[in-house]
Protein backbone atom coordinates (compact mmCIF):
# COMPACT_ATOMS: atom_id res chain seq x y z
CA MET A 1 174.28 112.90 251.74
CA MET A 2 176.00 113.72 254.92
CA ILE A 3 179.69 112.96 254.28
CA ASN A 4 182.50 113.57 256.80
CA SER A 5 184.78 115.75 254.77
CA SER A 6 187.84 114.64 256.75
CA GLU A 7 187.38 111.27 254.99
CA GLN A 8 187.18 112.57 251.45
CA SER A 9 189.73 112.65 248.72
CA SER A 10 189.22 114.72 245.68
CA THR A 11 190.02 114.07 242.01
CA ASP A 12 189.16 116.15 239.01
CA SER A 13 187.44 114.64 236.02
CA GLU A 14 187.09 115.73 232.38
CA LEU A 15 184.01 113.51 231.69
CA PRO A 16 180.70 115.29 230.77
CA ARG A 17 179.23 116.73 233.93
CA ALA A 18 175.63 115.55 234.26
CA GLU A 19 176.43 112.23 232.52
CA LEU A 20 179.24 111.59 234.99
CA SER A 21 177.08 112.33 237.96
CA ASN A 22 174.45 109.92 236.85
CA GLU A 23 176.75 107.28 235.86
CA LEU A 24 178.49 107.29 239.28
CA TRP A 25 175.14 107.09 241.01
CA GLU A 26 174.13 104.17 238.86
CA GLN A 27 177.37 102.40 239.79
CA HIS A 28 177.16 103.10 243.49
CA ALA A 29 173.43 103.31 244.29
CA ASP A 30 173.90 100.19 246.43
CA TRP A 31 176.41 102.03 248.68
CA TRP A 32 173.88 104.75 249.33
CA GLN A 33 171.03 102.19 249.94
CA ARG A 34 173.23 100.23 252.26
CA GLU A 35 174.83 102.99 254.30
CA PHE A 36 172.14 105.70 254.55
CA THR A 37 168.67 104.10 254.47
CA ASP A 38 166.34 101.85 256.31
CA GLY A 39 167.21 103.36 259.68
CA VAL A 40 171.02 102.76 259.74
CA ASP A 41 172.07 106.41 259.53
CA PRO A 42 171.37 108.51 262.63
CA GLU A 43 171.59 111.83 260.79
CA TYR A 44 168.53 110.73 258.84
CA THR A 45 166.55 109.06 261.59
CA GLU A 46 167.36 111.57 264.38
CA GLN A 47 167.43 114.86 262.34
CA ILE A 48 166.64 114.95 258.68
CA LEU A 49 163.46 112.90 258.61
CA PRO A 50 161.94 114.77 261.61
CA ILE A 51 162.83 118.22 260.09
CA ILE A 52 161.17 117.27 256.81
CA SER A 53 158.02 115.92 258.58
CA GLU A 54 157.65 119.00 260.64
CA ASN A 55 158.11 121.55 257.86
CA LEU A 56 155.89 119.84 255.32
CA ALA A 57 153.10 118.85 257.83
CA ASP A 58 150.54 121.06 256.17
CA CYS A 59 151.25 119.90 252.54
CA GLY A 60 148.68 117.35 251.29
CA THR A 61 150.60 116.53 248.04
CA VAL A 62 154.35 116.53 248.01
CA LEU A 63 157.07 115.99 245.32
CA ASP A 64 160.32 114.54 246.49
CA ILE A 65 162.92 115.72 244.01
CA GLY A 66 165.93 113.44 243.92
CA THR A 67 164.17 110.82 245.93
CA GLY A 68 166.89 108.20 245.60
CA GLU A 69 165.61 104.85 246.98
CA GLY A 70 162.58 106.68 248.54
CA GLN A 71 163.11 106.82 252.31
CA VAL A 72 161.95 110.44 252.59
CA ALA A 73 158.92 109.73 250.29
CA ARG A 74 158.01 106.59 252.25
CA MET A 75 158.20 108.51 255.52
CA LEU A 76 155.82 111.27 254.13
CA ALA A 77 153.39 108.61 252.73
CA THR A 78 153.37 106.95 256.04
CA ASN A 79 152.43 110.33 257.63
CA GLY A 80 149.42 110.57 255.41
CA HIS A 81 150.79 112.72 252.50
CA THR A 82 150.28 111.92 248.79
CA VAL A 83 153.78 111.56 247.46
CA ILE A 84 155.52 111.34 244.10
CA GLY A 85 159.26 110.71 244.01
CA ALA A 86 161.41 111.74 241.08
CA ASP A 87 164.97 110.73 240.40
CA PRO A 88 167.13 110.36 237.27
CA VAL A 89 168.95 107.23 238.34
CA GLY A 90 167.35 104.00 237.33
CA ALA A 91 168.93 101.82 240.12
CA GLN A 92 167.57 104.19 242.81
CA ILE A 93 163.98 104.27 241.23
CA GLU A 94 164.11 100.36 240.87
CA LYS A 95 164.91 99.98 244.57
CA ALA A 96 162.32 102.71 245.58
CA ARG A 97 159.56 100.80 243.72
CA ALA A 98 160.65 97.49 245.24
CA ARG A 99 160.39 98.95 248.70
CA GLY A 100 156.93 100.32 247.98
CA ALA A 101 155.04 101.65 251.03
CA GLY A 102 152.76 104.23 249.19
CA PRO A 103 154.59 106.75 246.98
CA ILE A 104 154.51 106.79 243.14
CA TYR A 105 158.02 107.04 241.52
CA VAL A 106 158.97 108.53 238.11
CA ARG A 107 162.42 108.58 236.50
CA ALA A 108 163.09 112.26 235.79
CA PRO A 109 165.86 114.89 236.38
CA ALA A 110 165.35 117.86 238.63
CA ASP A 111 165.71 120.31 235.84
CA ARG A 112 163.04 118.70 233.71
CA LEU A 113 160.11 117.58 235.87
CA PRO A 114 157.20 115.96 234.05
CA PHE A 115 154.46 117.76 236.08
CA SER A 116 151.99 120.63 235.35
CA ASP A 117 152.36 123.94 236.94
CA GLY A 118 151.14 124.14 240.64
CA SER A 119 150.63 120.40 240.88
CA PHE A 120 151.83 120.15 244.46
CA ASP A 121 151.34 121.78 247.80
CA GLY A 122 154.93 121.27 248.68
CA ALA A 123 158.22 120.02 247.23
CA LEU A 124 161.50 119.16 248.79
CA ALA A 125 165.05 118.35 247.62
CA CYS A 126 167.11 116.53 250.34
CA LEU A 127 170.86 116.57 249.99
CA VAL A 128 170.33 116.49 246.15
CA PHE A 129 171.43 119.90 244.70
CA GLU A 130 175.08 119.23 245.64
CA HIS A 131 175.08 116.85 242.78
CA ILE A 132 173.09 118.93 240.14
CA ASP A 133 174.87 121.18 237.60
CA LEU A 134 171.77 123.04 236.35
CA VAL A 135 170.90 124.43 239.70
CA ASP A 136 169.06 127.50 238.37
CA GLU A 137 166.89 125.31 236.14
CA ALA A 138 166.15 122.84 238.99
CA ILE A 139 165.17 125.51 241.38
CA SER A 140 162.94 127.07 238.68
CA GLU A 141 161.28 123.75 238.08
CA ALA A 142 160.63 123.26 241.82
CA ALA A 143 159.02 126.55 242.02
CA ARG A 144 156.90 125.87 238.84
CA VAL A 145 155.31 122.69 240.07
CA VAL A 146 154.44 124.15 243.56
CA ARG A 147 151.23 126.01 243.93
CA SER A 148 151.12 129.65 244.94
CA GLY A 149 151.54 129.68 248.72
CA GLY A 150 152.94 126.26 248.83
CA THR A 151 156.25 125.15 250.40
CA PHE A 152 159.69 124.30 248.99
CA LEU A 153 162.09 122.75 251.43
CA LEU A 154 165.85 122.61 250.54
CA LEU A 155 168.26 120.61 252.60
CA LEU A 156 172.07 120.86 251.78
CA ASN A 157 175.29 119.84 253.15
CA HIS A 158 176.21 123.13 254.79
CA PRO A 159 177.96 125.13 252.00
CA LEU A 160 180.35 126.88 254.33
CA LEU A 161 181.60 123.73 255.99
CA GLN A 162 181.50 121.19 253.11
CA THR A 163 183.73 123.16 250.78
CA PRO A 164 186.45 121.10 248.83
CA ASN A 165 189.39 120.27 250.96
CA SER A 166 187.58 121.19 254.20
CA GLY A 167 187.61 118.90 257.17
CA TRP A 168 188.26 118.15 260.78
CA ILE A 169 191.83 118.98 261.99
CA ASP A 170 193.26 117.51 265.16
CA ASP A 171 196.62 119.36 265.50
CA GLN A 172 198.83 117.65 268.07
CA PHE A 173 201.93 119.61 267.02
CA VAL A 174 200.91 122.80 268.95
CA ASP A 175 200.82 123.33 272.61
CA PRO A 176 198.17 122.92 273.81
CA PRO A 177 196.75 120.75 270.91
CA GLU A 178 194.08 122.29 268.89
CA GLN A 179 190.94 120.81 267.17
CA TYR A 180 188.92 122.85 264.56
CA TRP A 181 187.17 122.60 261.26
CA ARG A 182 189.31 123.77 258.27
CA ILE A 183 187.26 125.75 255.57
CA GLY A 184 188.36 125.46 251.95
CA HIS A 185 187.82 128.01 249.24
CA TYR A 186 184.24 128.95 250.12
CA LEU A 187 183.55 131.48 247.40
CA THR A 188 184.81 129.42 244.52
CA GLU A 189 182.22 127.15 242.83
CA ALA A 190 183.80 123.76 242.24
CA ALA A 191 183.00 120.24 241.15
CA THR A 192 184.90 117.29 242.48
CA VAL A 193 184.73 113.60 242.42
CA GLU A 194 185.14 112.32 245.99
CA GLU A 195 185.99 108.76 247.03
CA VAL A 196 183.48 108.61 249.89
CA GLN A 197 184.37 105.00 250.70
CA LYS A 198 187.04 102.62 249.24
CA ASP A 199 186.21 102.38 245.53
CA VAL A 200 183.09 104.36 245.78
CA PHE A 201 183.13 107.60 243.84
CA ILE A 202 180.39 110.38 243.87
CA ARG A 203 180.44 113.89 242.20
CA PHE A 204 179.87 116.88 244.39
CA ILE A 205 179.35 120.55 243.46
CA HIS A 206 180.15 123.25 245.90
CA ARG A 207 178.43 126.63 245.76
CA PRO A 208 178.28 129.45 248.21
CA LEU A 209 175.00 130.01 250.05
CA SER A 210 174.34 133.24 248.25
CA ARG A 211 174.19 131.24 244.94
CA TYR A 212 171.23 129.22 246.32
CA LEU A 213 169.40 132.10 247.97
CA ASN A 214 169.63 134.33 244.78
CA ALA A 215 168.34 131.41 242.70
CA LEU A 216 165.44 130.88 245.05
CA ALA A 217 164.57 134.60 245.04
CA ASP A 218 164.72 134.66 241.23
CA SER A 219 162.17 131.88 241.18
CA SER A 220 159.67 133.59 243.59
CA LEU A 221 160.59 131.30 246.47
CA VAL A 222 160.68 133.44 249.58
CA LEU A 223 162.81 132.26 252.48
CA THR A 224 160.64 131.98 255.60
CA LYS A 225 162.98 129.92 257.77
CA MET A 226 166.64 128.88 257.90
CA MET A 227 167.98 126.09 260.07
CA GLU A 228 171.54 125.16 260.96
CA PRO A 229 171.01 122.29 263.44
CA ALA A 230 173.85 120.82 265.47
CA PRO A 231 174.87 117.29 264.52
CA PRO A 232 172.54 114.79 266.24
CA PRO A 233 173.61 112.60 269.33
CA GLY A 234 173.67 109.44 267.23
CA PHE A 235 176.22 110.77 264.77
CA LEU A 236 178.44 112.33 267.54
CA GLY A 237 178.22 108.96 269.38
CA GLN A 238 179.60 107.24 266.26
CA ALA A 239 182.61 109.54 266.22
CA PRO A 240 183.64 110.44 269.81
CA GLN A 241 186.94 111.88 268.60
CA TYR A 242 184.90 114.70 266.98
CA LEU A 243 182.78 115.62 270.06
CA ALA A 244 184.05 119.24 269.77
CA ALA A 245 182.28 119.31 266.45
CA ALA A 246 179.00 119.40 268.14
CA ALA A 247 178.99 123.14 267.61
CA ILE A 248 179.62 122.84 263.85
CA PRO A 249 176.41 122.30 261.74
CA ARG A 250 176.73 119.72 258.82
CA LEU A 251 173.19 120.45 257.63
CA LEU A 252 171.58 123.60 256.24
CA VAL A 253 167.75 123.76 255.80
CA LEU A 254 165.96 126.50 253.81
CA ARG A 255 162.16 126.63 254.04
CA CYS A 256 160.53 128.80 251.32
CA ARG A 257 157.07 129.92 250.30
CA LYS A 258 155.99 130.11 246.65
CA SER A 259 154.90 133.78 246.29
C-alpha cells in the first residue's frame, strides 16, 4: 500500500495486534479494492506490476503472500504462471475469487502457510509485511515454501521514508521557501493505526531496513538485487505540488534467492 505520509494521522491502540490488523482490513477491504486495484492506481500499473512481472519471469509456480483482492496474482496468471494467492482477510479472498482470472486463493496468514516445503519456484509479498507482526515467522515461511534456488520478492513501503510522523514539508516561513521530506524515528520499531482516508483506519508497522535484511539472511534468502525506484510519472502527475519528490523513493524492492 503506497500511502502518502503527509496525509496520515497516527493513533495508538491497545487492542490485540494481529487481531486488530485483520479486523481493520475486514472493515475497510472495500477502500483498498476501490482505490488501488483494477487499474486506478498508477503506482501499481506503471511501477509495481511491471517490477513483479520482470523479476518473477522465470518462476513457473508462484505464491502471492498477502494477495488481497488478487490483482498481482491475476497479472501473473495472465502472464502464464501457475499462481496461488494467500490472505488472512475473508473480504479480500471473497473479492479475489469473484474476480477470478486464473489464480487459486486460500485464506491463510503469512506466518502459517498451508503448503509443503519447496512447493513454489517463487513467492512474493507486495506491500504486506508492513502490516504483519510476526515478521520473522512470515519470512521463514516464505523461505520454507520456495524451492532451493527459487526467488522471493519483497516489496515494501520504503522503511526510511515511511517512518511514523514522516511526510512532505512545504516550508513557506523561510526565505527562500524549502521543500523536503521529514524523516521520523527511523531506528525505532513502531506500530500505528493510520487514518488513511476519512473514517478508514489501517494498522502499519515500521521497522528499519536492517530488520528485514537480517531476517531474510537468517532464513537462507540471499539478496541478489535491491531497487529504490523513483515515483512513476502517473503518481507525480496526480500531485504536482510534490514534483520535487521525484528524487525520493516511496518503494523498496528486495529480490532474494533461496540458498
